[in-house]
Amino acid sequence: GLSAAAAPPEGLYYRAYLMRYDIDSFQDAKGNAAPGSNTGSV
């Protein structure tokens, strides 16, 4: 996201990323949704 292209100053850093991804559908090569309900979460 924001400001990600700037390296931090000298030192040791710990960074934790917590992400929730809710899947609404799966698309084919033409961008069409696969039939039925195809959902999930990560």
PDB file of all heavy atoms in Angstrom:
ATOM      1  N   GLY A   1       0.798  -1.218   0.000  1.00  0.00           N
ATOM      2  CA  GLY A   1       0.000   0.000   0.000  1.00  0.00           C
ATOM      3  C   GLY A   1       0.830   1.267   0.000  1.00  0.00           C
ATOM      4  O   GLY A   1       1.865   1.360  -0.658  1.00  0.00           O
ATOM      5  N   LEU A   2       0.384   2.275   0.772  1.00  0.00           N
ATOM      6  CA  LEU A   2       1.006   3.591   0.764  1.00  0.00           C
ATOM      7  C   LEU A   2       2.456   3.545   1.237  1.00  0.00           C
ATOM      8  O   LEU A   2       2.801   2.813   2.160  1.00  0.00           O
ATOM      9  CB  LEU A   2       0.217   4.543   1.671  1.00  0.00           C
ATOM     10  CG  LEU A   2      -1.223   4.877   1.252  1.00  0.00           C
ATOM     11  CD1 LEU A   2      -1.889   5.726   2.327  1.00  0.00           C
ATOM     12  CD2 LEU A   2      -1.254   5.580  -0.090  1.00  0.00           C
ATOM     13  N   SER A   3       3.279   4.359   0.584  1.00  0.00           N
ATOM     14  CA  SER A   3       4.683   4.571   0.975  1.00  0.00           C
ATOM     15  C   SER A   3       5.520   3.290   0.964  1.00  0.00           C
ATOM     16  O   SER A   3       6.597   3.246   1.575  1.00  0.00           O
ATOM     17  CB  SER A   3       4.763   5.208   2.371  1.00  0.00           C
ATOM     18  OG  SER A   3       3.983   6.383   2.438  1.00  0.00           O
ATOM     19  N   ALA A   4       5.059   2.242   0.279  1.00  0.00           N
ATOM     20  CA  ALA A   4       5.765   0.958   0.302  1.00  0.00           C
ATOM     21  C   ALA A   4       7.072   0.989  -0.477  1.00  0.00           C
ATOM     22  O   ALA A   4       7.923   0.126  -0.279  1.00  0.00           O
ATOM     23  CB  ALA A   4       4.858  -0.130  -0.263  1.00  0.00           C
ATOM     24  N   ALA A   5       7.234   1.966  -1.360  1.00  0.00           N
ATOM     25  CA  ALA A   5       8.423   2.000  -2.211  1.00  0.00           C
ATOM     26  C   ALA A   5       9.603   2.710  -1.556  1.00  0.00           C
ATOM     27  O   ALA A   5      10.620   2.927  -2.210  1.00  0.00           O
ATOM     28  CB  ALA A   5       8.082   2.669  -3.540  1.00  0.00           C
ATOM     29  N   ALA A   6       9.493   3.071  -0.274  1.00  0.00           N
ATOM     30  CA  ALA A   6      10.598   3.734   0.425  1.00  0.00           C
ATOM     31  C   ALA A   6      11.186   2.784   1.452  1.00  0.00           C
ATOM     32  O   ALA A   6      10.492   2.323   2.356  1.00  0.00           O
ATOM     33  CB  ALA A   6      10.098   5.007   1.105  1.00  0.00           C
ATOM     34  N   ALA A   7      12.482   2.470   1.322  1.00  0.00           N
ATOM     35  CA  ALA A   7      13.155   1.608   2.295  1.00  0.00           C
ATOM     36  C   ALA A   7      13.317   2.356   3.611  1.00  0.00           C
ATOM     37  O   ALA A   7      13.553   3.573   3.627  1.00  0.00           O
ATOM     38  CB  ALA A   7      14.516   1.178   1.764  1.00  0.00           C
ATOM     39  N   PRO A   8      13.194   1.678   4.753  1.00  0.00           N
ATOM     40  CA  PRO A   8      13.299   2.350   6.054  1.00  0.00           C
ATOM     41  C   PRO A   8      14.741   2.724   6.387  1.00  0.00           C
ATOM     42  O   PRO A   8      15.680   2.257   5.741  1.00  0.00           O
ATOM     43  CB  PRO A   8      12.767   1.296   7.031  1.00  0.00           C
ATOM     44  CG  PRO A   8      13.057  -0.011   6.364  1.00  0.00           C
ATOM     45  CD  PRO A   8      12.881   0.245   4.890  1.00  0.00           C
ATOM     46  N   PRO A   9      14.946   3.552   7.416  1.00  0.00           N
ATOM     47  CA  PRO A   9      16.305   3.905   7.851  1.00  0.00           C
ATOM     48  C   PRO A   9      17.030   2.704   8.444  1.00  0.00           C
ATOM     49  O   PRO A   9      16.453   1.623   8.612  1.00  0.00           O
ATOM     50  CB  PRO A   9      16.063   4.986   8.912  1.00  0.00           C
ATOM     51  CG  PRO A   9      14.668   5.462   8.692  1.00  0.00           C
ATOM     52  CD  PRO A   9      13.916   4.293   8.142  1.00  0.00           C
ATOM     53  N   GLU A  10      18.303   2.927   8.796  1.00  0.00           N
ATOM     54  CA  GLU A  10      19.121   1.869   9.387  1.00  0.00           C
ATOM     55  C   GLU A  10      18.454   1.292  10.635  1.00  0.00           C
ATOM     56  O   GLU A  10      17.898   2.021  11.458  1.00  0.00           O
ATOM     57  CB  GLU A  10      20.491   2.425   9.747  1.00  0.00           C
ATOM     58  CG  GLU A  10      21.414   1.433  10.430  1.00  0.00           C
ATOM     59  CD  GLU A  10      22.733   2.047  10.849  1.00  0.00           C
ATOM     60  OE1 GLU A  10      22.989   3.214  10.487  1.00  0.00           O
ATOM     61  OE2 GLU A  10      23.511   1.364  11.556  1.00  0.00           O
ATOM     62  N   GLY A  11      18.504  -0.039  10.761  1.00  0.00           N
ATOM     63  CA  GLY A  11      17.945  -0.687  11.940  1.00  0.00           C
ATOM     64  C   GLY A  11      17.306  -2.015  11.608  1.00  0.00           C
ATOM     65  O   GLY A  11      17.263  -2.452  10.452  1.00  0.00           O
ATOM     66  N   LEU A  12      16.795  -2.682  12.643  1.00  0.00           N
ATOM     67  CA  LEU A  12      16.117  -3.968  12.519  1.00  0.00           C
ATOM     68  C   LEU A  12      14.636  -3.754  12.752  1.00  0.00           C
ATOM     69  O   LEU A  12      14.231  -3.132  13.743  1.00  0.00           O
ATOM     70  CB  LEU A  12      16.679  -4.961  13.541  1.00  0.00           C
ATOM     71  CG  LEU A  12      16.073  -6.369  13.550  1.00  0.00           C
ATOM     72  CD1 LEU A  12      16.331  -7.078  12.225  1.00  0.00           C
ATOM     73  CD2 LEU A  12      16.644  -7.176  14.716  1.00  0.00           C
ATOM     74  N   TYR A  13      13.806  -4.310  11.841  1.00  0.00           N
ATOM     75  CA  TYR A  13      12.363  -4.092  11.894  1.00  0.00           C
ATOM     76  C   TYR A  13      11.628  -5.433  11.842  1.00  0.00           C
ATOM     77  O   TYR A  13      12.060  -6.365  11.144  1.00  0.00           O
ATOM     78  CB  TYR A  13      11.889  -3.236  10.712  1.00  0.00           C
ATOM     79  CG  TYR A  13      12.522  -1.870  10.646  1.00  0.00           C
ATOM     80  CD1 TYR A  13      13.775  -1.688  10.057  1.00  0.00           C
ATOM     81  CD2 TYR A  13      11.873  -0.758  11.162  1.00  0.00           C
ATOM     82  CE1 TYR A  13      14.363  -0.446   9.984  1.00  0.00           C
ATOM     83  CE2 TYR A  13      12.454   0.505  11.093  1.00  0.00           C
ATOM     84  CZ  TYR A  13      13.700   0.662  10.506  1.00  0.00           C
ATOM     85  OH  TYR A  13      14.272   1.893  10.436  1.00  0.00           O
ATOM     86  N   TYR A  14      10.516  -5.468  12.572  1.00  0.00           N
ATOM     87  CA  TYR A  14       9.572  -6.587  12.435  1.00  0.00           C
ATOM     88  C   TYR A  14       8.278  -6.032  11.873  1.00  0.00           C
ATOM     89  O   TYR A  14       7.763  -5.016  12.354  1.00  0.00           O
ATOM     90  CB  TYR A  14       9.296  -7.245  13.782  1.00  0.00           C
ATOM     91  CG  TYR A  14       8.093  -8.175  13.762  1.00  0.00           C
ATOM     92  CD1 TYR A  14       8.154  -9.407  13.107  1.00  0.00           C
ATOM     93  CD2 TYR A  14       6.901  -7.806  14.366  1.00  0.00           C
ATOM     94  CE1 TYR A  14       7.055 -10.251  13.066  1.00  0.00           C
ATOM     95  CE2 TYR A  14       5.788  -8.650  14.329  1.00  0.00           C
ATOM     96  CZ  TYR A  14       5.878  -9.866  13.687  1.00  0.00           C
ATOM     97  OH  TYR A  14       4.788 -10.693  13.645  1.00  0.00           O
ATOM     98  N   ARG A  15       7.755  -6.706  10.858  1.00  0.00           N
ATOM     99  CA  ARG A  15       6.493  -6.280  10.251  1.00  0.00           C
ATOM    100  C   ARG A  15       5.550  -7.470  10.163  1.00  0.00           C
ATOM    101  O   ARG A  15       5.933  -8.535   9.655  1.00  0.00           O
ATOM    102  CB  ARG A  15       6.732  -5.673   8.869  1.00  0.00           C
ATOM    103  CG  ARG A  15       5.456  -5.202   8.160  1.00  0.00           C
ATOM    104  CD  ARG A  15       5.790  -4.392   6.916  1.00  0.00           C
ATOM    105  NE  ARG A  15       6.369  -3.106   7.284  1.00  0.00           N
ATOM    106  CZ  ARG A  15       6.843  -2.227   6.397  1.00  0.00           C
ATOM    107  NH1 ARG A  15       6.834  -2.527   5.104  1.00  0.00           N
ATOM    108  NH2 ARG A  15       7.333  -1.082   6.795  1.00  0.00           N
ATOM    109  N   ALA A  16       4.340  -7.301  10.670  1.00  0.00           N
ATOM    110  CA  ALA A  16       3.320  -8.349  10.610  1.00  0.00           C
ATOM    111  C   ALA A  16       2.208  -7.909   9.671  1.00  0.00           C
ATOM    112  O   ALA A  16       1.711  -6.776   9.770  1.00  0.00           O
ATOM    113  CB  ALA A  16       2.761  -8.632  11.999  1.00  0.00           C
ATOM    114  N   TYR A  17       1.831  -8.804   8.764  1.00  0.00           N
ATOM    115  CA  TYR A  17       0.724  -8.561   7.845  1.00  0.00           C
ATOM    116  C   TYR A  17      -0.406  -9.529   8.188  1.00  0.00           C
ATOM    117  O   TYR A  17      -0.211 -10.744   8.187  1.00  0.00           O
ATOM    118  CB  TYR A  17       1.133  -8.808   6.399  1.00  0.00           C
ATOM    119  CG  TYR A  17       2.325  -8.041   5.910  1.00  0.00           C
ATOM    120  CD1 TYR A  17       3.611  -8.539   6.073  1.00  0.00           C
ATOM    121  CD2 TYR A  17       2.175  -6.826   5.247  1.00  0.00           C
ATOM    122  CE1 TYR A  17       4.718  -7.852   5.605  1.00  0.00           C
ATOM    123  CE2 TYR A  17       3.275  -6.133   4.772  1.00  0.00           C
ATOM    124  CZ  TYR A  17       4.545  -6.649   4.948  1.00  0.00           C
ATOM    125  OH  TYR A  17       5.633  -5.965   4.476  1.00  0.00           O
ATOM    126  N   LEU A  18      -1.567  -9.005   8.466  1.00  0.00           N
ATOM    127  CA  LEU A  18      -2.752  -9.826   8.709  1.00  0.00           C
ATOM    128  C   LEU A  18      -3.762  -9.499   7.618  1.00  0.00           C
ATOM    129  O   LEU A  18      -4.187  -8.347   7.484  1.00  0.00           O
ATOM    130  CB  LEU A  18      -3.340  -9.536  10.082  1.00  0.00           C
ATOM    131  CG  LEU A  18      -4.602 -10.326  10.465  1.00  0.00           C
ATOM    132  CD1 LEU A  18      -4.306 -11.825  10.516  1.00  0.00           C
ATOM    133  CD2 LEU A  18      -5.152  -9.843  11.797  1.00  0.00           C
ATOM    134  N   MET A  19      -4.120 -10.510   6.816  1.00  0.00           N
ATOM    135  CA  MET A  19      -5.032 -10.276   5.697  1.00  0.00           C
ATOM    136  C   MET A  19      -6.174 -11.275   5.716  1.00  0.00           C
ATOM    137  O   MET A  19      -5.972 -12.467   5.964  1.00  0.00           O
ATOM    138  CB  MET A  19      -4.291 -10.342   4.363  1.00  0.00           C
ATOM    139  CG  MET A  19      -5.196 -10.169   3.138  1.00  0.00           C
ATOM    140  SD  MET A  19      -4.306  -9.962   1.577  1.00  0.00           S
ATOM    141  CE  MET A  19      -3.924  -8.214   1.638  1.00  0.00           C
ATOM    142  N   ARG A  20      -7.361 -10.767   5.451  1.00  0.00           N
ATOM    143  CA  ARG A  20      -8.556 -11.585   5.269  1.00  0.00           C
ATOM    144  C   ARG A  20      -9.055 -11.351   3.842  1.00  0.00           C
ATOM    145  O   ARG A  20      -9.327 -10.224   3.445  1.00  0.00           O
ATOM    146  CB  ARG A  20      -9.631 -11.185   6.272  1.00  0.00           C
ATOM    147  CG  ARG A  20     -11.028 -11.708   5.962  1.00  0.00           C
ATOM    148  CD  ARG A  20     -11.208 -13.160   6.333  1.00  0.00           C
ATOM    149  NE  ARG A  20     -12.582 -13.623   6.038  1.00  0.00           N
ATOM    150  CZ  ARG A  20     -13.100 -14.753   6.485  1.00  0.00           C
ATOM    151  NH1 ARG A  20     -12.364 -15.545   7.255  1.00  0.00           N
ATOM    152  NH2 ARG A  20     -14.324 -15.101   6.183  1.00  0.00           N
ATOM    153  N   TYR A  21      -9.144 -12.431   3.075  1.00  0.00           N
ATOM    154  CA  TYR A  21      -9.575 -12.351   1.681  1.00  0.00           C
ATOM    155  C   TYR A  21     -10.818 -13.204   1.506  1.00  0.00           C
ATOM    156  O   TYR A  21     -10.789 -14.413   1.722  1.00  0.00           O
ATOM    157  CB  TYR A  21      -8.450 -12.839   0.769  1.00  0.00           C
ATOM    158  CG  TYR A  21      -8.772 -12.840  -0.718  1.00  0.00           C
ATOM    159  CD1 TYR A  21      -9.243 -11.700  -1.349  1.00  0.00           C
ATOM    160  CD2 TYR A  21      -8.561 -13.982  -1.481  1.00  0.00           C
ATOM    161  CE1 TYR A  21      -9.511 -11.694  -2.706  1.00  0.00           C
ATOM    162  CE2 TYR A  21      -8.817 -13.989  -2.842  1.00  0.00           C
ATOM    163  CZ  TYR A  21      -9.294 -12.848  -3.453  1.00  0.00           C
ATOM    164  OH  TYR A  21      -9.559 -12.850  -4.798  1.00  0.00           O
ATOM    165  N   ASP A  22     -11.940 -12.560   1.153  1.00  0.00           N
ATOM    166  CA  ASP A  22     -13.204 -13.260   0.928  1.00  0.00           C
ATOM    167  C   ASP A  22     -13.452 -13.389  -0.567  1.00  0.00           C
ATOM    168  O   ASP A  22     -13.526 -12.378  -1.284  1.00  0.00           O
ATOM    169  CB  ASP A  22     -14.362 -12.508   1.585  1.00  0.00           C
ATOM    170  CG  ASP A  22     -14.314 -12.587   3.104  1.00  0.00           C
ATOM    171  OD1 ASP A  22     -14.214 -13.712   3.615  1.00  0.00           O
ATOM    172  OD2 ASP A  22     -14.358 -11.528   3.761  1.00  0.00           O
ATOM    173  N   ILE A  23     -13.572 -14.617  -1.026  1.00  0.00           N
ATOM    174  CA  ILE A  23     -13.754 -14.898  -2.449  1.00  0.00           C
ATOM    175  C   ILE A  23     -15.234 -14.934  -2.792  1.00  0.00           C
ATOM    176  O   ILE A  23     -16.009 -15.680  -2.184  1.00  0.00           O
ATOM    177  CB  ILE A  23     -13.099 -16.242  -2.814  1.00  0.00           C
ATOM    178  CG1 ILE A  23     -11.617 -16.214  -2.466  1.00  0.00           C
ATOM    179  CG2 ILE A  23     -13.300 -16.552  -4.294  1.00  0.00           C
ATOM    180  CD1 ILE A  23     -10.951 -17.576  -2.541  1.00  0.00           C
ATOM    181  N   ASP A  24     -15.634 -14.112  -3.762  1.00  0.00           N
ATOM    182  CA  ASP A  24     -17.027 -14.069  -4.201  1.00  0.00           C
ATOM    183  C   ASP A  24     -17.294 -15.028  -5.355  1.00  0.00           C
ATOM    184  O   ASP A  24     -18.401 -15.556  -5.498  1.00  0.00           O
ATOM    185  CB  ASP A  24     -17.404 -12.648  -4.639  1.00  0.00           C
ATOM    186  CG  ASP A  24     -17.289 -11.647  -3.507  1.00  0.00           C
ATOM    187  OD1 ASP A  24     -17.581 -12.017  -2.353  1.00  0.00           O
ATOM    188  OD2 ASP A  24     -16.892 -10.494  -3.777  1.00  0.00           O
ATOM    189  N   SER A  25     -16.276 -15.236  -6.209  1.00  0.00           N
ATOM    190  CA  SER A  25     -16.451 -16.079  -7.390  1.00  0.00           C
ATOM    191  C   SER A  25     -15.093 -16.430  -7.964  1.00  0.00           C
ATOM    192  O   SER A  25     -14.062 -15.895  -7.544  1.00  0.00           O
ATOM    193  CB  SER A  25     -17.289 -15.354  -8.457  1.00  0.00           C
ATOM    194  OG  SER A  25     -16.620 -14.177  -8.900  1.00  0.00           O
ATOM    195  N   PHE A  26     -15.116 -17.342  -8.950  1.00  0.00           N
ATOM    196  CA  PHE A  26     -13.914 -17.671  -9.718  1.00  0.00           C
ATOM    197  C   PHE A  26     -14.209 -17.382 -11.182  1.00  0.00           C
ATOM    198  O   PHE A  26     -15.238 -17.806 -11.714  1.00  0.00           O
ATOM    199  CB  PHE A  26     -13.525 -19.138  -9.527  1.00  0.00           C
ATOM    200  CG  PHE A  26     -12.886 -19.433  -8.201  1.00  0.00           C
ATOM    201  CD1 PHE A  26     -13.651 -19.766  -7.094  1.00  0.00           C
ATOM    202  CD2 PHE A  26     -11.511 -19.358  -8.045  1.00  0.00           C
ATOM    203  CE1 PHE A  26     -13.071 -20.034  -5.876  1.00  0.00           C
ATOM    204  CE2 PHE A  26     -10.912 -19.621  -6.824  1.00  0.00           C
ATOM    205  CZ  PHE A  26     -11.692 -19.960  -5.731  1.00  0.00           C
ATOM    206  N   GLN A  27     -13.282 -16.663 -11.828  1.00  0.00           N
ATOM    207  CA  GLN A  27     -13.480 -16.220 -13.199  1.00  0.00           C
ATOM    208  C   GLN A  27     -12.667 -17.067 -14.171  1.00  0.00           C
ATOM    209  O   GLN A  27     -11.558 -17.499 -13.854  1.00  0.00           O
ATOM    210  CB  GLN A  27     -13.057 -14.755 -13.348  1.00  0.00           C
ATOM    211  CG  GLN A  27     -13.575 -13.825 -12.257  1.00  0.00           C
ATOM    212  CD  GLN A  27     -15.080 -13.744 -12.218  1.00  0.00           C
ATOM    213  OE1 GLN A  27     -15.715 -14.213 -11.276  1.00  0.00           O
ATOM    214  NE2 GLN A  27     -15.655 -13.169 -13.261  1.00  0.00           N
ATOM    215  N   ASP A  28     -13.233 -17.258 -15.382  1.00  0.00           N
ATOM    216  CA  ASP A  28     -12.499 -17.990 -16.407  1.00  0.00           C
ATOM    217  C   ASP A  28     -11.617 -17.034 -17.205  1.00  0.00           C
ATOM    218  O   ASP A  28     -11.460 -15.867 -16.854  1.00  0.00           O
ATOM    219  CB  ASP A  28     -13.466 -18.771 -17.313  1.00  0.00           C
ATOM    220  CG  ASP A  28     -14.339 -17.852 -18.171  1.00  0.00           C
ATOM    221  OD1 ASP A  28     -14.120 -16.622 -18.174  1.00  0.00           O
ATOM    222  OD2 ASP A  28     -15.243 -18.371 -18.846  1.00  0.00           O
ATOM    223  N   ALA A  29     -11.028 -17.522 -18.296  1.00  0.00           N
ATOM    224  CA  ALA A  29     -10.074 -16.730 -19.075  1.00  0.00           C
ATOM    225  C   ALA A  29     -10.708 -15.525 -19.745  1.00  0.00           C
ATOM    226  O   ALA A  29     -10.007 -14.594 -20.140  1.00  0.00           O
ATOM    227  CB  ALA A  29      -9.403 -17.618 -20.126  1.00  0.00           C
ATOM    228  N   LYS A  30     -12.043 -15.517 -19.879  1.00  0.00           N
ATOM    229  CA  LYS A  30     -12.743 -14.387 -20.489  1.00  0.00           C
ATOM    230  C   LYS A  30     -13.353 -13.465 -19.441  1.00  0.00           C
ATOM    231  O   LYS A  30     -14.064 -12.518 -19.775  1.00  0.00           O
ATOM    232  CB  LYS A  30     -13.819 -14.893 -21.454  1.00  0.00           C
ATOM    233  CG  LYS A  30     -13.265 -15.616 -22.667  1.00  0.00           C
ATOM    234  CD  LYS A  30     -14.377 -16.005 -23.625  1.00  0.00           C
ATOM    235  CE  LYS A  30     -13.810 -16.690 -24.867  1.00  0.00           C
ATOM    236  NZ  LYS A  30     -14.891 -17.077 -25.830  1.00  0.00           N
ATOM    237  N   GLY A  31     -13.098 -13.753 -18.168  1.00  0.00           N
ATOM    238  CA  GLY A  31     -13.653 -12.924 -17.104  1.00  0.00           C
ATOM    239  C   GLY A  31     -15.058 -13.283 -16.711  1.00  0.00           C
ATOM    240  O   GLY A  31     -15.715 -12.519 -15.992  1.00  0.00           O
ATOM    241  N   ASN A  32     -15.547 -14.453 -17.166  1.00  0.00           N
ATOM    242  CA  ASN A  32     -16.889 -14.905 -16.797  1.00  0.00           C
ATOM    243  C   ASN A  32     -16.826 -15.789 -15.554  1.00  0.00           C
ATOM    244  O   ASN A  32     -15.921 -16.617 -15.411  1.00  0.00           O
ATOM    245  CB  ASN A  32     -17.525 -15.706 -17.951  1.00  0.00           C
ATOM    246  CG  ASN A  32     -17.645 -14.880 -19.212  1.00  0.00           C
ATOM    247  OD1 ASN A  32     -18.071 -13.730 -19.185  1.00  0.00           O
ATOM    248  ND2 ASN A  32     -17.232 -15.457 -20.341  1.00  0.00           N
ATOM    249  N   ALA A  33     -17.792 -15.614 -14.672  1.00  0.00           N
ATOM    250  CA  ALA A  33     -17.813 -16.390 -13.434  1.00  0.00           C
ATOM    251  C   ALA A  33     -18.183 -17.840 -13.709  1.00  0.00           C
ATOM    252  O   ALA A  33     -19.065 -18.136 -14.525  1.00  0.00           O
ATOM    253  CB  ALA A  33     -18.803 -15.785 -12.453  1.00  0.00           C
ATOM    254  N   ALA A  34     -17.494 -18.774 -13.052  1.00  0.00           N
ATOM    255  CA  ALA A  34     -17.843 -20.187 -13.151  1.00  0.00           C
ATOM    256  C   ALA A  34     -19.246 -20.398 -12.593  1.00  0.00           C
ATOM    257  O   ALA A  34     -19.680 -19.685 -11.682  1.00  0.00           O
ATOM    258  CB  ALA A  34     -16.837 -21.029 -12.380  1.00  0.00           C
ATOM    259  N   PRO A  35     -20.012 -21.349 -13.115  1.00  0.00           N
ATOM    260  CA  PRO A  35     -21.403 -21.535 -12.703  1.00  0.00           C
ATOM    261  C   PRO A  35     -21.525 -22.025 -11.265  1.00  0.00           C
ATOM    262  O   PRO A  35     -20.629 -22.689 -10.738  1.00  0.00           O
ATOM    263  CB  PRO A  35     -21.919 -22.599 -13.678  1.00  0.00           C
ATOM    264  CG  PRO A  35     -20.702 -23.357 -14.081  1.00  0.00           C
ATOM    265  CD  PRO A  35     -19.596 -22.342 -14.126  1.00  0.00           C
ATOM    266  N   GLY A  36     -22.638 -21.687 -10.647  1.00  0.00           N
ATOM    267  CA  GLY A  36     -22.880 -22.119  -9.282  1.00  0.00           C
ATOM    268  C   GLY A  36     -22.266 -21.172  -8.275  1.00  0.00           C
ATOM    269  O   GLY A  36     -21.773 -20.081  -8.602  1.00  0.00           O
ATOM    270  N   SER A  37     -22.280 -21.593  -7.030  1.00  0.00           N
ATOM    271  CA  SER A  37     -21.706 -20.810  -5.945  1.00  0.00           C
ATOM    272  C   SER A  37     -20.303 -21.333  -5.643  1.00  0.00           C
ATOM    273  O   SER A  37     -20.147 -22.458  -5.155  1.00  0.00           O
ATOM    274  CB  SER A  37     -22.585 -20.911  -4.694  1.00  0.00           C
ATOM    275  OG  SER A  37     -21.990 -20.249  -3.604  1.00  0.00           O
ATOM    276  N   ASN A  38     -19.313 -20.538  -5.954  1.00  0.00           N
ATOM    277  CA  ASN A  38     -17.913 -20.911  -5.738  1.00  0.00           C
ATOM    278  C   ASN A  38     -17.268 -19.814  -4.898  1.00  0.00           C
ATOM    279  O   ASN A  38     -16.884 -18.760  -5.409  1.00  0.00           O
ATOM    280  CB  ASN A  38     -17.186 -21.076  -7.069  1.00  0.00           C
ATOM    281  CG  ASN A  38     -17.818 -22.139  -7.936  1.00  0.00           C
ATOM    282  OD1 ASN A  38     -17.643 -23.325  -7.704  1.00  0.00           O
ATOM    283  ND2 ASN A  38     -18.575 -21.704  -8.952  1.00  0.00           N
ATOM    284  N   THR A  39     -17.182 -20.050  -3.613  1.00  0.00           N
ATOM    285  CA  THR A  39     -16.728 -19.042  -2.676  1.00  0.00           C
ATOM    286  C   THR A  39     -15.595 -19.594  -1.815  1.00  0.00           C
ATOM    287  O   THR A  39     -15.217 -20.761  -1.934  1.00  0.00           O
ATOM    288  CB  THR A  39     -17.880 -18.578  -1.779  1.00  0.00           C
ATOM    289  OG1 THR A  39     -18.382 -19.696  -1.031  1.00  0.00           O
ATOM    290  CG2 THR A  39     -19.021 -17.998  -2.618  1.00  0.00           C
ATOM    291  N   GLY A  40     -15.090 -18.763  -0.942  1.00  0.00           N
ATOM    292  CA  GLY A  40     -14.039 -19.204  -0.043  1.00  0.00           C
ATOM    293  C   GLY A  40     -13.465 -18.058   0.745  1.00  0.00           C
ATOM    294  O   GLY A  40     -13.913 -16.905   0.642  1.00  0.00           O
ATOM    295  N   SER A  41     -12.478 -18.368   1.550  1.00  0.00           N
ATOM    296  CA  SER A  41     -11.798 -17.349   2.344  1.00  0.00           C
ATOM    297  C   SER A  41     -10.356 -17.759   2.573  1.00  0.00           C
ATOM    298  O   SER A  41     -10.027 -18.945   2.611  1.00  0.00           O
ATOM    299  CB  SER A  41     -12.505 -17.139   3.695  1.00  0.00           C
ATOM    300  OG  SER A  41     -12.411 -18.307   4.489  1.00  0.00           O
ATOM    301  N   VAL A  42      -9.512 -16.749   2.716  1.00  0.00           N
ATOM    302  CA  VAL A  42      -8.103 -16.966   3.037  1.00  0.00           C
ATOM    303  C   VAL A  42      -7.746 -16.035   4.188  1.00  0.00           C
ATOM    304  O   VAL A  42      -7.939 -14.820   4.100  1.00  0.00           O
ATOM    305  CB  VAL A  42      -7.182 -16.679   1.837  1.00  0.00           C
ATOM    306  CG1 VAL A  42      -5.731 -16.937   2.220  1.00  0.00           C
ATOM    307  CG2 VAL A  42      -7.575 -17.525   0.633  1.00  0.00           C
TER     308      VAL A  42
END
